[in-house]
């Protein structure tokens, strides 16, 4: 389960505003605020999943039940580089 702390941390790591993440996730800013634990009632599981997916697409990785980090970038294969 994705926690409100993870969502806030992921957004902070990316330097994204609540309205920007909400738009990317297809939810309202109020729904994002509820998902981040700053408003009630709590956001639906579907909304949290959409927010998480938007944050992952933007470049973060959720770790276990409590962590979040900037997703590691894949190194290009040397064979694929132009000569």
PDB file of N, CA and C in Angstrom:
ATOM      1  N   UNK A   1       0.837  -1.177   0.000  1.00  0.00           N
ATOM      2  CA  UNK A   1       0.000   0.000   0.000  1.00  0.00           C
ATOM      3  C   UNK A   1       0.889   1.250   0.000  1.00  0.00           C
ATOM      4  N   UNK A   2       0.566   2.185  -0.817  1.00  0.00           N
ATOM      5  CA  UNK A   2       1.298   3.441  -0.901  1.00  0.00           C
ATOM      6  C   UNK A   2       0.815   4.375   0.210  1.00  0.00           C
ATOM      7  N   UNK A   3       1.754   4.939   0.956  1.00  0.00           N
ATOM      8  CA  UNK A   3       1.380   5.794   2.084  1.00  0.00           C
ATOM      9  C   UNK A   3       1.355   7.272   1.680  1.00  0.00           C
ATOM     10  N   UNK A   4       0.626   8.086   2.450  1.00  0.00           N
ATOM     11  CA  UNK A   4       0.643   9.529   2.200  1.00  0.00           C
ATOM     12  C   UNK A   4       2.067  10.107   2.266  1.00  0.00           C
ATOM     13  N   UNK A   5       2.873   9.614   3.207  1.00  0.00           N
ATOM     14  CA  UNK A   5       4.257  10.091   3.321  1.00  0.00           C
ATOM     15  C   UNK A   5       5.048   9.794   2.049  1.00  0.00           C
ATOM     16  N   UNK A   6       4.852   8.614   1.465  1.00  0.00           N
ATOM     17  CA  UNK A   6       5.550   8.267   0.225  1.00  0.00           C
ATOM     18  C   UNK A   6       5.137   9.193  -0.915  1.00  0.00           C
ATOM     19  N   UNK A   7       3.844   9.480  -1.010  1.00  0.00           N
ATOM     20  CA  UNK A   7       3.371  10.356  -2.079  1.00  0.00           C
ATOM     21  C   UNK A   7       3.960  11.755  -1.943  1.00  0.00           C
ATOM     22  N   UNK A   8       3.955  12.283  -0.711  1.00  0.00           N
ATOM     23  CA  UNK A   8       4.536  13.617  -0.481  1.00  0.00           C
ATOM     24  C   UNK A   8       6.022  13.623  -0.795  1.00  0.00           C
ATOM     25  N   UNK A   9       6.738  12.576  -0.341  1.00  0.00           N
ATOM     26  CA  UNK A   9       8.187  12.501  -0.576  1.00  0.00           C
ATOM     27  C   UNK A   9       8.497  12.381  -2.058  1.00  0.00           C
ATOM     28  N   UNK A  10       7.735  11.575  -2.776  1.00  0.00           N
ATOM     29  CA  UNK A  10       7.966  11.407  -4.216  1.00  0.00           C
ATOM     30  C   UNK A  10       7.762  12.721  -4.944  1.00  0.00           C
ATOM     31  N   UNK A  11       6.711  13.428  -4.592  1.00  0.00           N
ATOM     32  CA  UNK A  11       6.439  14.716  -5.234  1.00  0.00           C
ATOM     33  C   UNK A  11       7.548  15.712  -4.926  1.00  0.00           C
ATOM     34  N   UNK A  12       8.035  15.701  -3.677  1.00  0.00           N
ATOM     35  CA  UNK A  12       9.118  16.614  -3.291  1.00  0.00           C
ATOM     36  C   UNK A  12      10.415  16.276  -4.032  1.00  0.00           C
ATOM     37  N   UNK A  13      10.727  14.984  -4.156  1.00  0.00           N
ATOM     38  CA  UNK A  13      11.940  14.582  -4.887  1.00  0.00           C
ATOM     39  C   UNK A  13      11.923  15.086  -6.324  1.00  0.00           C
ATOM     40  N   UNK A  14      10.748  15.086  -6.908  1.00  0.00           N
ATOM     41  CA  UNK A  14      10.609  15.529  -8.295  1.00  0.00           C
ATOM     42  C   UNK A  14      10.463  17.042  -8.422  1.00  0.00           C
ATOM     43  N   UNK A  15      10.214  17.718  -7.311  1.00  0.00           N
ATOM     44  CA  UNK A  15      10.011  19.164  -7.344  1.00  0.00           C
ATOM     45  C   UNK A  15       8.733  19.562  -8.062  1.00  0.00           C
ATOM     46  N   UNK A  16       7.720  18.709  -7.966  1.00  0.00           N
ATOM     47  CA  UNK A  16       6.453  18.959  -8.655  1.00  0.00           C
ATOM     48  C   UNK A  16       5.427  19.543  -7.689  1.00  0.00           C
ATOM     49  N   UNK A  17       4.590  20.430  -8.191  1.00  0.00           N
ATOM     50  CA  UNK A  17       3.519  21.015  -7.387  1.00  0.00           C
ATOM     51  C   UNK A  17       2.335  20.049  -7.321  1.00  0.00           C
ATOM     52  N   UNK A  18       1.461  20.266  -6.359  1.00  0.00           N
ATOM     53  CA  UNK A  18       0.256  19.441  -6.270  1.00  0.00           C
ATOM     54  C   UNK A  18      -0.590  19.546  -7.535  1.00  0.00           C
ATOM     55  N   UNK A  19      -0.844  20.746  -8.062  1.00  0.00           N
ATOM     56  CA  UNK A  19      -1.649  20.820  -9.280  1.00  0.00           C
ATOM     57  C   UNK A  19      -1.018  20.081 -10.470  1.00  0.00           C
ATOM     58  N   UNK A  20       0.301  20.122 -10.569  1.00  0.00           N
ATOM     59  CA  UNK A  20       0.976  19.437 -11.681  1.00  0.00           C
ATOM     60  C   UNK A  20       0.813  17.930 -11.578  1.00  0.00           C
ATOM     61  N   UNK A  21       1.011  17.382 -10.388  1.00  0.00           N
ATOM     62  CA  UNK A  21       0.858  15.935 -10.191  1.00  0.00           C
ATOM     63  C   UNK A  21      -0.597  15.536 -10.384  1.00  0.00           C
ATOM     64  N   UNK A  22      -1.507  16.326  -9.851  1.00  0.00           N
ATOM     65  CA  UNK A  22      -2.935  16.014  -9.997  1.00  0.00           C
ATOM     66  C   UNK A  22      -3.327  15.949 -11.465  1.00  0.00           C
ATOM     67  N   UNK A  23      -2.872  16.914 -12.241  1.00  0.00           N
ATOM     68  CA  UNK A  23      -3.190  16.912 -13.668  1.00  0.00           C
ATOM     69  C   UNK A  23      -2.609  15.682 -14.363  1.00  0.00           C
ATOM     70  N   UNK A  24      -1.360  15.341 -14.041  1.00  0.00           N
ATOM     71  CA  UNK A  24      -0.725  14.170 -14.661  1.00  0.00           C
ATOM     72  C   UNK A  24      -1.447  12.879 -14.291  1.00  0.00           C
ATOM     73  N   UNK A  25      -2.002  12.843 -13.086  1.00  0.00           N
ATOM     74  CA  UNK A  25      -2.700  11.638 -12.619  1.00  0.00           C
ATOM     75  C   UNK A  25      -4.161  11.603 -13.039  1.00  0.00           C
ATOM     76  N   UNK A  26      -4.673  12.731 -13.533  1.00  0.00           N
ATOM     77  CA  UNK A  26      -6.080  12.770 -13.922  1.00  0.00           C
ATOM     78  C   UNK A  26      -7.027  12.849 -12.748  1.00  0.00           C
ATOM     79  N   UNK A  27      -6.553  13.469 -11.648  1.00  0.00           N
ATOM     80  CA  UNK A  27      -7.396  13.644 -10.468  1.00  0.00           C
ATOM     81  C   UNK A  27      -7.410  15.124 -10.108  1.00  0.00           C
ATOM     82  N   UNK A  28      -8.299  15.514  -9.213  1.00  0.00           N
ATOM     83  CA  UNK A  28      -8.349  16.909  -8.778  1.00  0.00           C
ATOM     84  C   UNK A  28      -7.239  17.171  -7.758  1.00  0.00           C
ATOM     85  N   UNK A  29      -6.910  18.444  -7.601  1.00  0.00           N
ATOM     86  CA  UNK A  29      -5.913  18.814  -6.595  1.00  0.00           C
ATOM     87  C   UNK A  29      -6.397  18.432  -5.202  1.00  0.00           C
ATOM     88  N   UNK A  30      -7.689  18.560  -4.943  1.00  0.00           N
ATOM     89  CA  UNK A  30      -8.224  18.170  -3.634  1.00  0.00           C
ATOM     90  C   UNK A  30      -8.054  16.671  -3.397  1.00  0.00           C
ATOM     91  N   UNK A  31      -8.240  15.875  -4.443  1.00  0.00           N
ATOM     92  CA  UNK A  31      -8.032  14.431  -4.302  1.00  0.00           C
ATOM     93  C   UNK A  31      -6.573  14.146  -3.977  1.00  0.00           C
ATOM     94  N   UNK A  32      -5.649  14.843  -4.625  1.00  0.00           N
ATOM     95  CA  UNK A  32      -4.231  14.661  -4.322  1.00  0.00           C
ATOM     96  C   UNK A  32      -3.951  15.047  -2.873  1.00  0.00           C
ATOM     97  N   UNK A  33      -4.517  16.147  -2.414  1.00  0.00           N
ATOM     98  CA  UNK A  33      -4.335  16.568  -1.023  1.00  0.00           C
ATOM     99  C   UNK A  33      -4.841  15.493  -0.063  1.00  0.00           C
ATOM    100  N   UNK A  34      -5.993  14.896  -0.389  1.00  0.00           N
ATOM    101  CA  UNK A  34      -6.521  13.818   0.457  1.00  0.00           C
ATOM    102  C   UNK A  34      -5.586  12.615   0.433  1.00  0.00           C
ATOM    103  N   UNK A  35      -5.037  12.287  -0.729  1.00  0.00           N
ATOM    104  CA  UNK A  35      -4.121  11.149  -0.844  1.00  0.00           C
ATOM    105  C   UNK A  35      -2.840  11.382  -0.046  1.00  0.00           C
ATOM    106  N   UNK A  36      -2.420  12.651   0.028  1.00  0.00           N
ATOM    107  CA  UNK A  36      -1.218  12.994   0.784  1.00  0.00           C
ATOM    108  C   UNK A  36      -1.518  13.165   2.276  1.00  0.00           C
ATOM    109  N   UNK A  37      -2.765  12.946   2.660  1.00  0.00           N
ATOM    110  CA  UNK A  37      -3.132  12.957   4.066  1.00  0.00           C
ATOM    111  C   UNK A  37      -3.421  14.312   4.656  1.00  0.00           C
ATOM    112  N   UNK A  38      -3.580  15.346   3.822  1.00  0.00           N
ATOM    113  CA  UNK A  38      -3.803  16.679   4.366  1.00  0.00           C
ATOM    114  C   UNK A  38      -5.256  17.127   4.293  1.00  0.00           C
ATOM    115  N   UNK A  39      -6.155  16.244   3.936  1.00  0.00           N
ATOM    116  CA  UNK A  39      -7.581  16.574   3.889  1.00  0.00           C
ATOM    117  C   UNK A  39      -8.391  15.288   4.059  1.00  0.00           C
ATOM    118  N   UNK A  40      -9.634  15.442   4.424  1.00  0.00           N
ATOM    119  CA  UNK A  40     -10.495  14.279   4.582  1.00  0.00           C
ATOM    120  C   UNK A  40     -11.725  14.447   3.711  1.00  0.00           C
ATOM    121  N   UNK A  41     -12.402  13.397   3.316  1.00  0.00           N
ATOM    122  CA  UNK A  41     -12.086  11.991   3.588  1.00  0.00           C
ATOM    123  C   UNK A  41     -10.891  11.518   2.772  1.00  0.00           C
ATOM    124  N   UNK A  42     -10.397  10.342   3.086  1.00  0.00           N
ATOM    125  CA  UNK A  42      -9.237   9.788   2.384  1.00  0.00           C
ATOM    126  C   UNK A  42      -9.562   9.558   0.906  1.00  0.00           C
ATOM    127  N   UNK A  43      -8.535   9.613   0.087  1.00  0.00           N
ATOM    128  CA  UNK A  43      -8.699   9.373  -1.351  1.00  0.00           C
ATOM    129  C   UNK A  43      -8.951   7.886  -1.597  1.00  0.00           C
ATOM    130  N   UNK A  44      -9.606   7.577  -2.698  1.00  0.00           N
ATOM    131  CA  UNK A  44      -9.885   6.188  -3.048  1.00  0.00           C
ATOM    132  C   UNK A  44      -8.602   5.465  -3.455  1.00  0.00           C
ATOM    133  N   UNK A  45      -8.636   4.147  -3.390  1.00  0.00           N
ATOM    134  CA  UNK A  45      -7.482   3.336  -3.803  1.00  0.00           C
ATOM    135  C   UNK A  45      -7.161   3.566  -5.276  1.00  0.00           C
ATOM    136  N   UNK A  46      -8.199   3.783  -6.092  1.00  0.00           N
ATOM    137  CA  UNK A  46      -7.994   4.031  -7.519  1.00  0.00           C
ATOM    138  C   UNK A  46      -7.257   5.348  -7.743  1.00  0.00           C
ATOM    139  N   UNK A  47      -7.625   6.369  -6.969  1.00  0.00           N
ATOM    140  CA  UNK A  47      -6.962   7.666  -7.096  1.00  0.00           C
ATOM    141  C   UNK A  47      -5.502   7.579  -6.663  1.00  0.00           C
ATOM    142  N   UNK A  48      -5.240   6.882  -5.560  1.00  0.00           N
ATOM    143  CA  UNK A  48      -3.863   6.716  -5.083  1.00  0.00           C
ATOM    144  C   UNK A  48      -3.040   5.972  -6.129  1.00  0.00           C
ATOM    145  N   UNK A  49      -3.611   4.955  -6.745  1.00  0.00           N
ATOM    146  CA  UNK A  49      -2.896   4.201  -7.784  1.00  0.00           C
ATOM    147  C   UNK A  49      -2.573   5.089  -8.984  1.00  0.00           C
ATOM    148  N   UNK A  50      -3.506   5.957  -9.370  1.00  0.00           N
ATOM    149  CA  UNK A  50      -3.266   6.860 -10.498  1.00  0.00           C
ATOM    150  C   UNK A  50      -2.176   7.884 -10.167  1.00  0.00           C
ATOM    151  N   UNK A  51      -2.170   8.370  -8.940  1.00  0.00           N
ATOM    152  CA  UNK A  51      -1.149   9.330  -8.506  1.00  0.00           C
ATOM    153  C   UNK A  51       0.212   8.650  -8.471  1.00  0.00           C
ATOM    154  N   UNK A  52       0.252   7.458  -7.926  1.00  0.00           N
ATOM    155  CA  UNK A  52       1.514   6.711  -7.875  1.00  0.00           C
ATOM    156  C   UNK A  52       2.045   6.476  -9.280  1.00  0.00           C
ATOM    157  N   UNK A  53       1.185   6.075 -10.190  1.00  0.00           N
ATOM    158  CA  UNK A  53       1.603   5.817 -11.578  1.00  0.00           C
ATOM    159  C   UNK A  53       2.156   7.082 -12.225  1.00  0.00           C
ATOM    160  N   UNK A  54       1.527   8.220 -11.969  1.00  0.00           N
ATOM    161  CA  UNK A  54       2.012   9.487 -12.533  1.00  0.00           C
ATOM    162  C   UNK A  54       3.381   9.843 -11.970  1.00  0.00           C
ATOM    163  N   UNK A  55       3.591   9.616 -10.681  1.00  0.00           N
ATOM    164  CA  UNK A  55       4.877   9.906 -10.059  1.00  0.00           C
ATOM    165  C   UNK A  55       5.963   8.953 -10.567  1.00  0.00           C
ATOM    166  N   UNK A  56       5.608   7.691 -10.756  1.00  0.00           N
ATOM    167  CA  UNK A  56       6.571   6.730 -11.311  1.00  0.00           C
ATOM    168  C   UNK A  56       6.941   7.107 -12.741  1.00  0.00           C
ATOM    169  N   UNK A  57       5.968   7.522 -13.521  1.00  0.00           N
ATOM    170  CA  UNK A  57       6.226   7.939 -14.902  1.00  0.00           C
ATOM    171  C   UNK A  57       7.132   9.170 -14.943  1.00  0.00           C
ATOM    172  N   UNK A  58       7.060   9.993 -13.894  1.00  0.00           N
ATOM    173  CA  UNK A  58       7.877  11.200 -13.825  1.00  0.00           C
ATOM    174  C   UNK A  58       9.292  10.920 -13.322  1.00  0.00           C
ATOM    175  N   UNK A  59       9.527   9.683 -12.803  1.00  0.00           N
ATOM    176  CA  UNK A  59      10.896   9.339 -12.456  1.00  0.00           C
ATOM    177  C   UNK A  59      11.208   8.927 -11.035  1.00  0.00           C
ATOM    178  N   UNK A  60      10.213   8.529 -10.262  1.00  0.00           N
ATOM    179  CA  UNK A  60      10.515   8.015  -8.929  1.00  0.00           C
ATOM    180  C   UNK A  60      10.197   6.538  -8.845  1.00  0.00           C
ATOM    181  N   UNK A  61      10.771   5.909  -7.842  1.00  0.00           N
ATOM    182  CA  UNK A  61      10.557   4.487  -7.603  1.00  0.00           C
ATOM    183  C   UNK A  61      10.116   4.328  -6.148  1.00  0.00           C
ATOM    184  N   UNK A  62       9.035   3.602  -5.929  1.00  0.00           N
ATOM    185  CA  UNK A  62       8.559   3.349  -4.583  1.00  0.00           C
ATOM    186  C   UNK A  62       9.244   2.088  -4.069  1.00  0.00           C
ATOM    187  N   UNK A  63       9.746   2.165  -2.830  1.00  0.00           N
ATOM    188  CA  UNK A  63      10.520   1.073  -2.244  1.00  0.00           C
ATOM    189  C   UNK A  63       9.755   0.520  -1.050  1.00  0.00           C
ATOM    190  N   UNK A  64       9.371  -0.729  -1.141  1.00  0.00           N
ATOM    191  CA  UNK A  64       8.664  -1.355  -0.031  1.00  0.00           C
ATOM    192  C   UNK A  64       7.425  -0.585   0.363  1.00  0.00           C
ATOM    193  N   UNK A  65       7.161  -0.591   1.662  1.00  0.00           N
ATOM    194  CA  UNK A  65       5.958   0.067   2.163  1.00  0.00           C
ATOM    195  C   UNK A  65       6.212   1.460   2.711  1.00  0.00           C
ATOM    196  N   UNK A  66       7.480   1.893   2.732  1.00  0.00           N
ATOM    197  CA  UNK A  66       7.742   3.194   3.341  1.00  0.00           C
ATOM    198  C   UNK A  66       8.692   4.090   2.562  1.00  0.00           C
ATOM    199  N   UNK A  67       9.390   3.587   1.564  1.00  0.00           N
ATOM    200  CA  UNK A  67      10.425   4.384   0.922  1.00  0.00           C
ATOM    201  C   UNK A  67      10.080   4.858  -0.473  1.00  0.00           C
ATOM    202  N   UNK A  68      10.911   5.796  -0.931  1.00  0.00           N
ATOM    203  CA  UNK A  68      10.798   6.335  -2.282  1.00  0.00           C
ATOM    204  C   UNK A  68      12.169   6.891  -2.660  1.00  0.00           C
ATOM    205  N   UNK A  69      12.531   6.750  -3.925  1.00  0.00           N
ATOM    206  CA  UNK A  69      13.803   7.288  -4.411  1.00  0.00           C
ATOM    207  C   UNK A  69      13.654   7.679  -5.865  1.00  0.00           C
ATOM    208  N   UNK A  70      14.602   8.485  -6.317  1.00  0.00           N
ATOM    209  CA  UNK A  70      14.641   8.797  -7.739  1.00  0.00           C
ATOM    210  C   UNK A  70      15.000   7.497  -8.441  1.00  0.00           C
ATOM    211  N   UNK A  71      14.262   7.157  -9.471  1.00  0.00           N
ATOM    212  CA  UNK A  71      14.485   5.890 -10.183  1.00  0.00           C
ATOM    213  C   UNK A  71      15.842   5.915 -10.869  1.00  0.00           C
ATOM    214  N   UNK A  72      16.601   4.818 -10.736  1.00  0.00           N
ATOM    215  CA  UNK A  72      17.881   4.759 -11.442  1.00  0.00           C
ATOM    216  C   UNK A  72      17.660   4.763 -12.946  1.00  0.00           C
ATOM    217  N   UNK A  73      18.522   5.470 -13.638  1.00  0.00           N
ATOM    218  CA  UNK A  73      18.428   5.511 -15.101  1.00  0.00           C
ATOM    219  C   UNK A  73      19.278   4.409 -15.678  1.00  0.00           C
ATOM    220  N   UNK A  74      18.765   3.799 -16.724  1.00  0.00           N
ATOM    221  CA  UNK A  74      19.524   2.743 -17.384  1.00  0.00           C
ATOM    222  C   UNK A  74      20.665   3.356 -18.176  1.00  0.00           C
ATOM    223  N   UNK A  75      21.829   2.742 -18.060  1.00  0.00           N
ATOM    224  CA  UNK A  75      22.984   3.174 -18.831  1.00  0.00           C
ATOM    225  C   UNK A  75      22.840   2.640 -20.249  1.00  0.00           C
ATOM    226  N   UNK A  76      23.114   3.460 -21.255  1.00  0.00           N
ATOM    227  CA  UNK A  76      23.031   2.948 -22.636  1.00  0.00           C
ATOM    228  C   UNK A  76      24.110   1.909 -22.887  1.00  0.00           C
ATOM    229  N   UNK A  77      23.761   0.907 -23.671  1.00  0.00           N
ATOM    230  CA  UNK A  77      24.743  -0.111 -24.054  1.00  0.00           C
ATOM    231  C   UNK A  77      25.789   0.515 -24.948  1.00  0.00           C
ATOM    232  N   UNK A  78      27.044   0.153 -24.722  1.00  0.00           N
ATOM    233  CA  UNK A  78      28.120   0.681 -25.554  1.00  0.00           C
ATOM    234  C   UNK A  78      27.951   0.283 -27.008  1.00  0.00           C
ATOM    235  N   UNK A  79      27.376  -0.894 -27.227  1.00  0.00           N
ATOM    236  CA  UNK A  79      27.192  -1.394 -28.585  1.00  0.00           C
ATOM    237  C   UNK A  79      26.177  -0.545 -29.354  1.00  0.00           C
ATOM    238  N   UNK A  80      25.276   0.114 -28.641  1.00  0.00           N
ATOM    239  CA  UNK A  80      24.215   0.878 -29.283  1.00  0.00           C
ATOM    240  C   UNK A  80      24.639   2.299 -29.627  1.00  0.00           C
ATOM    241  N   UNK A  81      25.771   2.744 -29.087  1.00  0.00           N
ATOM    242  CA  UNK A  81      26.195   4.111 -29.345  1.00  0.00           C
ATOM    243  C   UNK A  81      26.742   4.243 -30.753  1.00  0.00           C
ATOM    244  N   UNK A  82      26.415   5.366 -31.422  1.00  0.00           N
ATOM    245  CA  UNK A  82      26.935   5.565 -32.773  1.00  0.00           C
ATOM    246  C   UNK A  82      28.453   5.706 -32.766  1.00  0.00           C
ATOM    247  N   UNK A  83      29.082   5.236 -33.807  1.00  0.00           N
ATOM    248  CA  UNK A  83      30.558   5.275 -33.889  1.00  0.00           C
ATOM    249  C   UNK A  83      31.047   6.611 -34.393  1.00  0.00           C
TER     250      UNK A  83
END
